[in-house]
């Protein structure tokens, strides 16, 4: 049975996550600092985990569509599970990119953390 207090706790956690990363921008993509805040909390807060993975999966789908299969990174089996940790680690190494658009920064991060192997 779904209890009222657990529903309230869930609503508060989702609202807190939303406030943590900020309201979604309608005209411009979020910046890399919002992506960092969202994904660095993914291992502690379920709502942030869902948001981080959803953002990353949405980015991958969009990039695959717009890049027409010529992505500068390669995501292998199991990489999606470790992607938030890799992205957070990379973003912490590049604080100068915090105000840059998250999609552009994510492309750089994934290219470095998940490079494609040269064809033999």
PDB file of N, CA and C in Angstrom:
ATOM      1  N   UNK A   1       0.844  -1.177   0.000  1.00  0.00           N
ATOM      2  CA  UNK A   1       0.000   0.000   0.000  1.00  0.00           C
ATOM      3  C   UNK A   1       0.890   1.242   0.000  1.00  0.00           C
ATOM      4  N   UNK A   2       0.565   2.195  -0.818  1.00  0.00           N
ATOM      5  CA  UNK A   2       1.319   3.431  -0.941  1.00  0.00           C
ATOM      6  C   UNK A   2       0.908   4.373   0.164  1.00  0.00           C
ATOM      7  N   UNK A   3       1.816   4.698   1.033  1.00  0.00           N
ATOM      8  CA  UNK A   3       1.506   5.535   2.185  1.00  0.00           C
ATOM      9  C   UNK A   3       1.696   7.003   1.857  1.00  0.00           C
ATOM     10  N   UNK A   4       0.935   7.840   2.501  1.00  0.00           N
ATOM     11  CA  UNK A   4       0.976   9.283   2.281  1.00  0.00           C
ATOM     12  C   UNK A   4       2.345   9.861   2.614  1.00  0.00           C
ATOM     13  N   UNK A   5       2.963   9.411   3.715  1.00  0.00           N
ATOM     14  CA  UNK A   5       4.249   9.979   4.094  1.00  0.00           C
ATOM     15  C   UNK A   5       5.344   9.618   3.097  1.00  0.00           C
ATOM     16  N   UNK A   6       5.276   8.432   2.486  1.00  0.00           N
ATOM     17  CA  UNK A   6       6.285   8.088   1.474  1.00  0.00           C
ATOM     18  C   UNK A   6       6.045   8.887   0.196  1.00  0.00           C
ATOM     19  N   UNK A   7       4.785   9.158  -0.131  1.00  0.00           N
ATOM     20  CA  UNK A   7       4.481   9.990  -1.295  1.00  0.00           C
ATOM     21  C   UNK A   7       4.988  11.408  -1.081  1.00  0.00           C
ATOM     22  N   UNK A   8       4.809  11.902   0.138  1.00  0.00           N
ATOM     23  CA  UNK A   8       5.282  13.245   0.460  1.00  0.00           C
ATOM     24  C   UNK A   8       6.805  13.305   0.400  1.00  0.00           C
ATOM     25  N   UNK A   9       7.476  12.294   0.935  1.00  0.00           N
ATOM     26  CA  UNK A   9       8.943  12.270   0.876  1.00  0.00           C
ATOM     27  C   UNK A   9       9.434  12.233  -0.567  1.00  0.00           C
ATOM     28  N   UNK A  10       8.767  11.441  -1.408  1.00  0.00           N
ATOM     29  CA  UNK A  10       9.159  11.367  -2.812  1.00  0.00           C
ATOM     30  C   UNK A  10       8.964  12.720  -3.494  1.00  0.00           C
ATOM     31  N   UNK A  11       7.812  13.356  -3.246  1.00  0.00           N
ATOM     32  CA  UNK A  11       7.539  14.661  -3.842  1.00  0.00           C
ATOM     33  C   UNK A  11       8.573  15.691  -3.405  1.00  0.00           C
ATOM     34  N   UNK A  12       8.939  15.662  -2.129  1.00  0.00           N
ATOM     35  CA  UNK A  12       9.948  16.594  -1.621  1.00  0.00           C
ATOM     36  C   UNK A  12      11.302  16.319  -2.272  1.00  0.00           C
ATOM     37  N   UNK A  13      11.665  15.048  -2.462  1.00  0.00           N
ATOM     38  CA  UNK A  13      12.958  14.742  -3.080  1.00  0.00           C
ATOM     39  C   UNK A  13      12.993  15.182  -4.540  1.00  0.00           C
ATOM     40  N   UNK A  14      11.884  14.999  -5.260  1.00  0.00           N
ATOM     41  CA  UNK A  14      11.830  15.436  -6.653  1.00  0.00           C
ATOM     42  C   UNK A  14      11.896  16.961  -6.722  1.00  0.00           C
ATOM     43  N   UNK A  15      11.149  17.640  -5.865  1.00  0.00           N
ATOM     44  CA  UNK A  15      11.175  19.102  -5.840  1.00  0.00           C
ATOM     45  C   UNK A  15      12.567  19.603  -5.467  1.00  0.00           C
ATOM     46  N   UNK A  16      13.199  18.953  -4.502  1.00  0.00           N
ATOM     47  CA  UNK A  16      14.554  19.344  -4.100  1.00  0.00           C
ATOM     48  C   UNK A  16      15.535  19.184  -5.253  1.00  0.00           C
ATOM     49  N   UNK A  17      15.423  18.087  -5.963  1.00  0.00           N
ATOM     50  CA  UNK A  17      16.297  17.857  -7.117  1.00  0.00           C
ATOM     51  C   UNK A  17      16.064  18.923  -8.178  1.00  0.00           C
ATOM     52  N   UNK A  18      14.794  19.253  -8.411  1.00  0.00           N
ATOM     53  CA  UNK A  18      14.462  20.264  -9.396  1.00  0.00           C
ATOM     54  C   UNK A  18      15.043  21.615  -9.004  1.00  0.00           C
ATOM     55  N   UNK A  19      14.927  21.958  -7.724  1.00  0.00           N
ATOM     56  CA  UNK A  19      15.479  23.217  -7.243  1.00  0.00           C
ATOM     57  C   UNK A  19      17.001  23.210  -7.275  1.00  0.00           C
ATOM     58  N   UNK A  20      17.609  22.051  -7.019  1.00  0.00           N
ATOM     59  CA  UNK A  20      19.059  21.936  -7.035  1.00  0.00           C
ATOM     60  C   UNK A  20      19.641  22.245  -8.406  1.00  0.00           C
ATOM     61  N   UNK A  21      19.021  21.709  -9.450  1.00  0.00           N
ATOM     62  CA  UNK A  21      19.570  21.932 -10.784  1.00  0.00           C
ATOM     63  C   UNK A  21      18.948  23.134 -11.468  1.00  0.00           C
ATOM     64  N   UNK A  22      17.863  23.629 -10.931  1.00  0.00           N
ATOM     65  CA  UNK A  22      17.214  24.799 -11.507  1.00  0.00           C
ATOM     66  C   UNK A  22      16.102  24.395 -12.452  1.00  0.00           C
ATOM     67  N   UNK A  23      15.229  25.327 -12.690  1.00  0.00           N
ATOM     68  CA  UNK A  23      14.122  25.090 -13.608  1.00  0.00           C
ATOM     69  C   UNK A  23      14.675  24.897 -15.012  1.00  0.00           C
ATOM     70  N   UNK A  24      14.026  24.059 -15.814  1.00  0.00           N
ATOM     71  CA  UNK A  24      14.528  23.827 -17.156  1.00  0.00           C
ATOM     72  C   UNK A  24      14.469  25.093 -18.012  1.00  0.00           C
ATOM     73  N   UNK A  25      15.505  25.325 -18.767  1.00  0.00           N
ATOM     74  CA  UNK A  25      15.538  26.468 -19.673  1.00  0.00           C
ATOM     75  C   UNK A  25      14.797  26.101 -20.954  1.00  0.00           C
ATOM     76  N   UNK A  26      13.942  26.990 -21.410  1.00  0.00           N
ATOM     77  CA  UNK A  26      13.163  26.690 -22.601  1.00  0.00           C
ATOM     78  C   UNK A  26      13.868  27.164 -23.862  1.00  0.00           C
ATOM     79  N   UNK A  27      14.678  28.191 -23.781  1.00  0.00           N
ATOM     80  CA  UNK A  27      15.306  28.732 -24.970  1.00  0.00           C
ATOM     81  C   UNK A  27      16.746  28.252 -25.136  1.00  0.00           C
ATOM     82  N   UNK A  28      17.416  27.972 -24.045  1.00  0.00           N
ATOM     83  CA  UNK A  28      18.829  27.598 -24.126  1.00  0.00           C
ATOM     84  C   UNK A  28      19.057  26.310 -23.345  1.00  0.00           C
ATOM     85  N   UNK A  29      20.042  25.531 -23.784  1.00  0.00           N
ATOM     86  CA  UNK A  29      20.344  24.313 -23.017  1.00  0.00           C
ATOM     87  C   UNK A  29      20.925  24.668 -21.655  1.00  0.00           C
ATOM     88  N   UNK A  30      20.786  23.755 -20.719  1.00  0.00           N
ATOM     89  CA  UNK A  30      21.379  23.997 -19.405  1.00  0.00           C
ATOM     90  C   UNK A  30      22.896  24.018 -19.528  1.00  0.00           C
ATOM     91  N   UNK A  31      23.538  24.635 -18.559  1.00  0.00           N
ATOM     92  CA  UNK A  31      24.991  24.683 -18.615  1.00  0.00           C
ATOM     93  C   UNK A  31      25.588  23.457 -17.917  1.00  0.00           C
ATOM     94  N   UNK A  32      26.885  23.301 -18.067  1.00  0.00           N
ATOM     95  CA  UNK A  32      27.577  22.122 -17.541  1.00  0.00           C
ATOM     96  C   UNK A  32      27.527  22.053 -16.023  1.00  0.00           C
ATOM     97  N   UNK A  33      27.432  23.205 -15.341  1.00  0.00           N
ATOM     98  CA  UNK A  33      27.353  23.175 -13.881  1.00  0.00           C
ATOM     99  C   UNK A  33      26.061  22.501 -13.415  1.00  0.00           C
ATOM    100  N   UNK A  34      24.962  22.704 -14.131  1.00  0.00           N
ATOM    101  CA  UNK A  34      23.698  22.037 -13.791  1.00  0.00           C
ATOM    102  C   UNK A  34      23.807  20.538 -14.011  1.00  0.00           C
ATOM    103  N   UNK A  35      24.467  20.156 -15.083  1.00  0.00           N
ATOM    104  CA  UNK A  35      24.688  18.728 -15.349  1.00  0.00           C
ATOM    105  C   UNK A  35      25.549  18.108 -14.253  1.00  0.00           C
ATOM    106  N   UNK A  36      26.567  18.818 -13.822  1.00  0.00           N
ATOM    107  CA  UNK A  36      27.429  18.328 -12.740  1.00  0.00           C
ATOM    108  C   UNK A  36      26.635  18.148 -11.457  1.00  0.00           C
ATOM    109  N   UNK A  37      25.848  19.148 -11.067  1.00  0.00           N
ATOM    110  CA  UNK A  37      25.057  19.050  -9.837  1.00  0.00           C
ATOM    111  C   UNK A  37      24.082  17.884  -9.898  1.00  0.00           C
ATOM    112  N   UNK A  38      23.474  17.694 -11.044  1.00  0.00           N
ATOM    113  CA  UNK A  38      22.501  16.633 -11.204  1.00  0.00           C
ATOM    114  C   UNK A  38      23.168  15.250 -11.130  1.00  0.00           C
ATOM    115  N   UNK A  39      24.250  15.076 -11.851  1.00  0.00           N
ATOM    116  CA  UNK A  39      24.870  13.748 -11.932  1.00  0.00           C
ATOM    117  C   UNK A  39      25.730  13.404 -10.720  1.00  0.00           C
ATOM    118  N   UNK A  40      26.281  14.387 -10.031  1.00  0.00           N
ATOM    119  CA  UNK A  40      27.099  14.053  -8.863  1.00  0.00           C
ATOM    120  C   UNK A  40      26.235  13.578  -7.704  1.00  0.00           C
ATOM    121  N   UNK A  41      24.968  13.889  -7.702  1.00  0.00           N
ATOM    122  CA  UNK A  41      24.070  13.402  -6.673  1.00  0.00           C
ATOM    123  C   UNK A  41      23.344  12.126  -7.056  1.00  0.00           C
ATOM    124  N   UNK A  42      23.640  11.611  -8.247  1.00  0.00           N
ATOM    125  CA  UNK A  42      22.912  10.459  -8.777  1.00  0.00           C
ATOM    126  C   UNK A  42      23.070   9.202  -7.942  1.00  0.00           C
ATOM    127  N   UNK A  43      24.196   9.047  -7.269  1.00  0.00           N
ATOM    128  CA  UNK A  43      24.391   7.839  -6.476  1.00  0.00           C
ATOM    129  C   UNK A  43      23.729   7.934  -5.095  1.00  0.00           C
ATOM    130  N   UNK A  44      23.239   9.121  -4.722  1.00  0.00           N
ATOM    131  CA  UNK A  44      22.628   9.307  -3.397  1.00  0.00           C
ATOM    132  C   UNK A  44      21.125   9.543  -3.443  1.00  0.00           C
ATOM    133  N   UNK A  45      20.650  10.186  -4.502  1.00  0.00           N
ATOM    134  CA  UNK A  45      19.242  10.570  -4.602  1.00  0.00           C
ATOM    135  C   UNK A  45      18.650   9.945  -5.870  1.00  0.00           C
ATOM    136  N   UNK A  46      17.664   9.087  -5.685  1.00  0.00           N
ATOM    137  CA  UNK A  46      17.083   8.363  -6.815  1.00  0.00           C
ATOM    138  C   UNK A  46      16.559   9.307  -7.897  1.00  0.00           C
ATOM    139  N   UNK A  47      15.918  10.392  -7.492  1.00  0.00           N
ATOM    140  CA  UNK A  47      15.384  11.337  -8.482  1.00  0.00           C
ATOM    141  C   UNK A  47      16.509  11.929  -9.332  1.00  0.00           C
ATOM    142  N   UNK A  48      17.642  12.246  -8.710  1.00  0.00           N
ATOM    143  CA  UNK A  48      18.777  12.770  -9.473  1.00  0.00           C
ATOM    144  C   UNK A  48      19.353  11.707 -10.390  1.00  0.00           C
ATOM    145  N   UNK A  49      19.370  10.465  -9.940  1.00  0.00           N
ATOM    146  CA  UNK A  49      19.852   9.367 -10.778  1.00  0.00           C
ATOM    147  C   UNK A  49      19.002   9.246 -12.036  1.00  0.00           C
ATOM    148  N   UNK A  50      17.700   9.270 -11.848  1.00  0.00           N
ATOM    149  CA  UNK A  50      16.782   9.180 -12.983  1.00  0.00           C
ATOM    150  C   UNK A  50      16.988  10.365 -13.919  1.00  0.00           C
ATOM    151  N   UNK A  51      17.107  11.557 -13.354  1.00  0.00           N
ATOM    152  CA  UNK A  51      17.288  12.752 -14.175  1.00  0.00           C
ATOM    153  C   UNK A  51      18.604  12.721 -14.936  1.00  0.00           C
ATOM    154  N   UNK A  52      19.676  12.310 -14.258  1.00  0.00           N
ATOM    155  CA  UNK A  52      20.989  12.266 -14.897  1.00  0.00           C
ATOM    156  C   UNK A  52      20.995  11.252 -16.038  1.00  0.00           C
ATOM    157  N   UNK A  53      20.550  10.041 -15.751  1.00  0.00           N
ATOM    158  CA  UNK A  53      20.528   9.007 -16.793  1.00  0.00           C
ATOM    159  C   UNK A  53      19.604   9.399 -17.942  1.00  0.00           C
ATOM    160  N   UNK A  54      18.480  10.018 -17.631  1.00  0.00           N
ATOM    161  CA  UNK A  54      17.560  10.456 -18.679  1.00  0.00           C
ATOM    162  C   UNK A  54      18.195  11.528 -19.557  1.00  0.00           C
ATOM    163  N   UNK A  55      18.874  12.477 -18.925  1.00  0.00           N
ATOM    164  CA  UNK A  55      19.541  13.526 -19.697  1.00  0.00           C
ATOM    165  C   UNK A  55      20.609  12.916 -20.607  1.00  0.00           C
ATOM    166  N   UNK A  56      21.443  12.041 -20.041  1.00  0.00           N
ATOM    167  CA  UNK A  56      22.510  11.425 -20.826  1.00  0.00           C
ATOM    168  C   UNK A  56      21.953  10.569 -21.964  1.00  0.00           C
ATOM    169  N   UNK A  57      20.916   9.791 -21.690  1.00  0.00           N
ATOM    170  CA  UNK A  57      20.307   8.972 -22.740  1.00  0.00           C
ATOM    171  C   UNK A  57      19.679   9.837 -23.823  1.00  0.00           C
ATOM    172  N   UNK A  58      19.029  10.922 -23.417  1.00  0.00           N
ATOM    173  CA  UNK A  58      18.462  11.849 -24.390  1.00  0.00           C
ATOM    174  C   UNK A  58      19.536  12.485 -25.252  1.00  0.00           C
ATOM    175  N   UNK A  59      20.648  12.852 -24.613  1.00  0.00           N
ATOM    176  CA  UNK A  59      21.761  13.416 -25.365  1.00  0.00           C
ATOM    177  C   UNK A  59      22.293  12.397 -26.382  1.00  0.00           C
ATOM    178  N   UNK A  60      22.486  11.147 -25.943  1.00  0.00           N
ATOM    179  CA  UNK A  60      23.005  10.112 -26.845  1.00  0.00           C
ATOM    180  C   UNK A  60      22.079   9.888 -28.031  1.00  0.00           C
ATOM    181  N   UNK A  61      20.780   9.835 -27.775  1.00  0.00           N
ATOM    182  CA  UNK A  61      19.814   9.644 -28.861  1.00  0.00           C
ATOM    183  C   UNK A  61      19.848  10.818 -29.839  1.00  0.00           C
ATOM    184  N   UNK A  62      19.872  12.030 -29.303  1.00  0.00           N
ATOM    185  CA  UNK A  62      19.895  13.219 -30.152  1.00  0.00           C
ATOM    186  C   UNK A  62      21.192  13.305 -30.945  1.00  0.00           C
ATOM    187  N   UNK A  63      22.319  13.046 -30.278  1.00  0.00           N
ATOM    188  CA  UNK A  63      23.611  13.092 -30.964  1.00  0.00           C
ATOM    189  C   UNK A  63      23.670  12.052 -32.076  1.00  0.00           C
ATOM    190  N   UNK A  64      23.179  10.860 -31.821  1.00  0.00           N
ATOM    191  CA  UNK A  64      23.187   9.816 -32.846  1.00  0.00           C
ATOM    192  C   UNK A  64      22.360  10.227 -34.057  1.00  0.00           C
ATOM    193  N   UNK A  65      21.244  10.906 -33.799  1.00  0.00           N
ATOM    194  CA  UNK A  65      20.383  11.348 -34.884  1.00  0.00           C
ATOM    195  C   UNK A  65      21.021  12.478 -35.695  1.00  0.00           C
ATOM    196  N   UNK A  66      21.542  13.490 -34.996  1.00  0.00           N
ATOM    197  CA  UNK A  66      22.099  14.650 -35.692  1.00  0.00           C
ATOM    198  C   UNK A  66      23.479  14.401 -36.281  1.00  0.00           C
ATOM    199  N   UNK A  67      24.247  13.543 -35.664  1.00  0.00           N
ATOM    200  CA  UNK A  67      25.597  13.258 -36.167  1.00  0.00           C
ATOM    201  C   UNK A  67      25.583  12.165 -37.229  1.00  0.00           C
ATOM    202  N   UNK A  68      24.416  11.587 -37.464  1.00  0.00           N
ATOM    203  CA  UNK A  68      24.226  10.563 -38.495  1.00  0.00           C
ATOM    204  C   UNK A  68      25.240   9.418 -38.386  1.00  0.00           C
ATOM    205  N   UNK A  69      25.434   8.942 -37.148  1.00  0.00           N
ATOM    206  CA  UNK A  69      26.308   7.795 -36.928  1.00  0.00           C
ATOM    207  C   UNK A  69      27.787   8.109 -36.869  1.00  0.00           C
ATOM    208  N   UNK A  70      28.161   9.366 -36.975  1.00  0.00           N
ATOM    209  CA  UNK A  70      29.582   9.753 -36.941  1.00  0.00           C
ATOM    210  C   UNK A  70      29.910  10.422 -35.611  1.00  0.00           C
ATOM    211  N   UNK A  71      29.657   9.716 -34.542  1.00  0.00           N
ATOM    212  CA  UNK A  71      29.900  10.255 -33.210  1.00  0.00           C
ATOM    213  C   UNK A  71      31.392  10.249 -32.884  1.00  0.00           C
ATOM    214  N   UNK A  72      31.864  11.241 -32.141  1.00  0.00           N
ATOM    215  CA  UNK A  72      33.283  11.274 -31.751  1.00  0.00           C
ATOM    216  C   UNK A  72      33.570  10.438 -30.506  1.00  0.00           C
ATOM    217  N   UNK A  73      32.634   9.634 -30.098  1.00  0.00           N
ATOM    218  CA  UNK A  73      32.806   8.752 -28.946  1.00  0.00           C
ATOM    219  C   UNK A  73      32.085   7.444 -29.234  1.00  0.00           C
ATOM    220  N   UNK A  74      32.466   6.415 -28.505  1.00  0.00           N
ATOM    221  CA  UNK A  74      31.858   5.094 -28.686  1.00  0.00           C
ATOM    222  C   UNK A  74      31.422   4.549 -27.326  1.00  0.00           C
ATOM    223  N   UNK A  75      30.154   4.254 -27.228  1.00  0.00           N
ATOM    224  CA  UNK A  75      29.593   3.737 -25.990  1.00  0.00           C
ATOM    225  C   UNK A  75      29.433   2.225 -26.152  1.00  0.00           C
ATOM    226  N   UNK A  76      30.215   1.478 -25.381  1.00  0.00           N
ATOM    227  CA  UNK A  76      30.183   0.019 -25.447  1.00  0.00           C
ATOM    228  C   UNK A  76      29.188  -0.537 -24.428  1.00  0.00           C
ATOM    229  N   UNK A  77      28.991  -1.843 -24.479  1.00  0.00           N
ATOM    230  CA  UNK A  77      28.120  -2.534 -23.528  1.00  0.00           C
ATOM    231  C   UNK A  77      28.538  -2.204 -22.095  1.00  0.00           C
ATOM    232  N   UNK A  78      27.627  -1.761 -21.293  1.00  0.00           N
ATOM    233  CA  UNK A  78      27.905  -1.451 -19.894  1.00  0.00           C
ATOM    234  C   UNK A  78      28.386  -0.031 -19.634  1.00  0.00           C
ATOM    235  N   UNK A  79      28.755   0.708 -20.664  1.00  0.00           N
ATOM    236  CA  UNK A  79      29.263   2.067 -20.475  1.00  0.00           C
ATOM    237  C   UNK A  79      28.206   3.032 -19.938  1.00  0.00           C
ATOM    238  N   UNK A  80      26.950   2.807 -20.288  1.00  0.00           N
ATOM    239  CA  UNK A  80      25.900   3.722 -19.822  1.00  0.00           C
ATOM    240  C   UNK A  80      25.795   3.721 -18.303  1.00  0.00           C
ATOM    241  N   UNK A  81      26.095   2.604 -17.672  1.00  0.00           N
ATOM    242  CA  UNK A  81      26.018   2.541 -16.212  1.00  0.00           C
ATOM    243  C   UNK A  81      27.100   3.376 -15.541  1.00  0.00           C
ATOM    244  N   UNK A  82      28.276   3.435 -16.145  1.00  0.00           N
ATOM    245  CA  UNK A  82      29.365   4.201 -15.535  1.00  0.00           C
ATOM    246  C   UNK A  82      29.481   5.615 -16.102  1.00  0.00           C
ATOM    247  N   UNK A  83      28.634   5.940 -17.050  1.00  0.00           N
ATOM    248  CA  UNK A  83      28.700   7.251 -17.689  1.00  0.00           C
ATOM    249  C   UNK A  83      28.535   8.415 -16.709  1.00  0.00           C
ATOM    250  N   UNK A  84      27.570   8.401 -15.769  1.00  0.00           N
ATOM    251  CA  UNK A  84      27.466   9.531 -14.832  1.00  0.00           C
ATOM    252  C   UNK A  84      28.751   9.756 -14.042  1.00  0.00           C
ATOM    253  N   UNK A  85      29.367   8.696 -13.559  1.00  0.00           N
ATOM    254  CA  UNK A  85      30.613   8.823 -12.792  1.00  0.00           C
ATOM    255  C   UNK A  85      31.725   9.403 -13.654  1.00  0.00           C
ATOM    256  N   UNK A  86      31.829   8.942 -14.879  1.00  0.00           N
ATOM    257  CA  UNK A  86      32.862   9.448 -15.791  1.00  0.00           C
ATOM    258  C   UNK A  86      32.629  10.909 -16.143  1.00  0.00           C
ATOM    259  N   UNK A  87      31.391  11.271 -16.364  1.00  0.00           N
ATOM    260  CA  UNK A  87      31.059  12.660 -16.710  1.00  0.00           C
ATOM    261  C   UNK A  87      31.363  13.584 -15.525  1.00  0.00           C
ATOM    262  N   UNK A  88      30.971  13.183 -14.328  1.00  0.00           N
ATOM    263  CA  UNK A  88      31.246  13.988 -13.132  1.00  0.00           C
ATOM    264  C   UNK A  88      32.749  14.153 -12.946  1.00  0.00           C
ATOM    265  N   UNK A  89      33.486  13.081 -13.072  1.00  0.00           N
ATOM    266  CA  UNK A  89      34.945  13.134 -12.926  1.00  0.00           C
ATOM    267  C   UNK A  89      35.557  14.097 -13.940  1.00  0.00           C
ATOM    268  N   UNK A  90      35.132  14.012 -15.175  1.00  0.00           N
ATOM    269  CA  UNK A  90      35.668  14.878 -16.231  1.00  0.00           C
ATOM    270  C   UNK A  90      35.292  16.333 -15.978  1.00  0.00           C
ATOM    271  N   UNK A  91      34.032  16.577 -15.585  1.00  0.00           N
ATOM    272  CA  UNK A  91      33.594  17.955 -15.330  1.00  0.00           C
ATOM    273  C   UNK A  91      34.359  18.588 -14.168  1.00  0.00           C
ATOM    274  N   UNK A  92      34.677  17.795 -13.156  1.00  0.00           N
ATOM    275  CA  UNK A  92      35.461  18.327 -12.034  1.00  0.00           C
ATOM    276  C   UNK A  92      36.875  18.702 -12.462  1.00  0.00           C
ATOM    277  N   UNK A  93      37.399  18.034 -13.472  1.00  0.00           N
ATOM    278  CA  UNK A  93      38.731  18.365 -13.993  1.00  0.00           C
ATOM    279  C   UNK A  93      38.709  19.607 -14.888  1.00  0.00           C
ATOM    280  N   UNK A  94      37.515  20.030 -15.307  1.00  0.00           N
ATOM    281  CA  UNK A  94      37.377  21.160 -16.235  1.00  0.00           C
ATOM    282  C   UNK A  94      36.373  22.191 -15.719  1.00  0.00           C
ATOM    283  N   UNK A  95      36.630  22.777 -14.543  1.00  0.00           N
ATOM    284  CA  UNK A  95      35.672  23.751 -13.979  1.00  0.00           C
ATOM    285  C   UNK A  95      35.527  25.005 -14.849  1.00  0.00           C
ATOM    286  N   UNK A  96      36.498  25.273 -15.688  1.00  0.00           N
ATOM    287  CA  UNK A  96      36.417  26.446 -16.563  1.00  0.00           C
ATOM    288  C   UNK A  96      35.278  26.332 -17.586  1.00  0.00           C
ATOM    289  N   UNK A  97      34.736  25.132 -17.762  1.00  0.00           N
ATOM    290  CA  UNK A  97      33.650  24.923 -18.729  1.00  0.00           C
ATOM    291  C   UNK A  97      32.268  24.923 -18.074  1.00  0.00           C
ATOM    292  N   UNK A  98      32.198  25.274 -16.801  1.00  0.00           N
ATOM    293  CA  UNK A  98      30.944  25.184 -16.041  1.00  0.00           C
ATOM    294  C   UNK A  98      29.803  25.989 -16.651  1.00  0.00           C
ATOM    295  N   UNK A  99      30.084  27.105 -17.257  1.00  0.00           N
ATOM    296  CA  UNK A  99      29.027  27.960 -17.819  1.00  0.00           C
ATOM    297  C   UNK A  99      28.786  27.710 -19.306  1.00  0.00           C
ATOM    298  N   UNK A 100      29.505  26.760 -19.863  1.00  0.00           N
ATOM    299  CA  UNK A 100      29.290  26.397 -21.274  1.00  0.00           C
ATOM    300  C   UNK A 100      28.043  25.528 -21.395  1.00  0.00           C
ATOM    301  N   UNK A 101      27.466  25.470 -22.565  1.00  0.00           N
ATOM    302  CA  UNK A 101      26.274  24.657 -22.793  1.00  0.00           C
ATOM    303  C   UNK A 101      26.583  23.182 -22.534  1.00  0.00           C
ATOM    304  N   UNK A 102      25.726  22.545 -21.766  1.00  0.00           N
ATOM    305  CA  UNK A 102      25.943  21.147 -21.383  1.00  0.00           C
ATOM    306  C   UNK A 102      26.126  20.215 -22.583  1.00  0.00           C
ATOM    307  N   UNK A 103      25.344  20.335 -23.672  1.00  0.00           N
ATOM    308  CA  UNK A 103      25.549  19.408 -24.790  1.00  0.00           C
ATOM    309  C   UNK A 103      26.948  19.501 -25.401  1.00  0.00           C
ATOM    310  N   UNK A 104      27.470  20.705 -25.552  1.00  0.00           N
ATOM    311  CA  UNK A 104      28.813  20.859 -26.130  1.00  0.00           C
ATOM    312  C   UNK A 104      29.880  20.302 -25.197  1.00  0.00           C
ATOM    313  N   UNK A 105      29.731  20.552 -23.907  1.00  0.00           N
ATOM    314  CA  UNK A 105      30.686  20.055 -22.927  1.00  0.00           C
ATOM    315  C   UNK A 105      30.588  18.531 -22.825  1.00  0.00           C
ATOM    316  N   UNK A 106      29.383  18.019 -22.875  1.00  0.00           N
ATOM    317  CA  UNK A 106      29.181  16.573 -22.808  1.00  0.00           C
ATOM    318  C   UNK A 106      29.834  15.869 -23.994  1.00  0.00           C
ATOM    319  N   UNK A 107      29.771  16.473 -25.153  1.00  0.00           N
ATOM    320  CA  UNK A 107      30.430  15.902 -26.340  1.00  0.00           C
ATOM    321  C   UNK A 107      31.935  15.782 -26.105  1.00  0.00           C
ATOM    322  N   UNK A 108      32.537  16.821 -25.528  1.00  0.00           N
ATOM    323  CA  UNK A 108      33.974  16.785 -25.223  1.00  0.00           C
ATOM    324  C   UNK A 108      34.287  15.718 -24.181  1.00  0.00           C
ATOM    325  N   UNK A 109      33.483  15.685 -23.129  1.00  0.00           N
ATOM    326  CA  UNK A 109      33.716  14.728 -22.041  1.00  0.00           C
ATOM    327  C   UNK A 109      33.618  13.293 -22.537  1.00  0.00           C
ATOM    328  N   UNK A 110      32.564  13.000 -23.283  1.00  0.00           N
ATOM    329  CA  UNK A 110      32.385  11.634 -23.772  1.00  0.00           C
ATOM    330  C   UNK A 110      33.457  11.250 -24.786  1.00  0.00           C
ATOM    331  N   UNK A 111      33.907  12.219 -25.570  1.00  0.00           N
ATOM    332  CA  UNK A 111      34.973  11.942 -26.539  1.00  0.00           C
ATOM    333  C   UNK A 111      36.268  11.544 -25.847  1.00  0.00           C
ATOM    334  N   UNK A 112      36.550  12.162 -24.705  1.00  0.00           N
ATOM    335  CA  UNK A 112      37.770  11.830 -23.964  1.00  0.00           C
ATOM    336  C   UNK A 112      37.621  10.564 -23.127  1.00  0.00           C
ATOM    337  N   UNK A 113      36.461  10.394 -22.495  1.00  0.00           N
ATOM    338  CA  UNK A 113      36.268   9.253 -21.596  1.00  0.00           C
ATOM    339  C   UNK A 113      35.848   7.974 -22.308  1.00  0.00           C
ATOM    340  N   UNK A 114      35.251   8.104 -23.498  1.00  0.00           N
ATOM    341  CA  UNK A 114      34.795   6.938 -24.251  1.00  0.00           C
ATOM    342  C   UNK A 114      35.258   7.055 -25.709  1.00  0.00           C
ATOM    343  N   UNK A 115      36.574   7.099 -25.918  1.00  0.00           N
ATOM    344  CA  UNK A 115      37.068   7.251 -27.291  1.00  0.00           C
ATOM    345  C   UNK A 115      36.800   5.980 -28.111  1.00  0.00           C
ATOM    346  N   UNK A 116      36.669   6.192 -29.392  1.00  0.00           N
ATOM    347  CA  UNK A 116      36.506   5.060 -30.310  1.00  0.00           C
ATOM    348  C   UNK A 116      37.880   4.470 -30.591  1.00  0.00           C
ATOM    349  N   UNK A 117      37.922   3.169 -30.683  1.00  0.00           N
ATOM    350  CA  UNK A 117      39.178   2.491 -31.001  1.00  0.00           C
ATOM    351  C   UNK A 117      39.418   2.592 -32.513  1.00  0.00           C
ATOM    352  N   UNK A 118      40.657   2.837 -32.910  1.00  0.00           N
ATOM    353  CA  UNK A 118      40.925   2.896 -34.354  1.00  0.00           C
ATOM    354  C   UNK A 118      40.650   1.546 -35.006  1.00  0.00           C
ATOM    355  N   UNK A 119      40.133   1.596 -36.210  1.00  0.00           N
ATOM    356  CA  UNK A 119      39.849   0.361 -36.946  1.00  0.00           C
ATOM    357  C   UNK A 119      41.133  -0.249 -37.443  1.00  0.00           C
ATOM    358  N   UNK A 120      41.195  -1.559 -37.365  1.00  0.00           N
ATOM    359  CA  UNK A 120      42.423  -2.263 -37.796  1.00  0.00           C
ATOM    360  C   UNK A 120      42.247  -2.887 -39.139  1.00  0.00           C
TER     361      UNK A 120
END
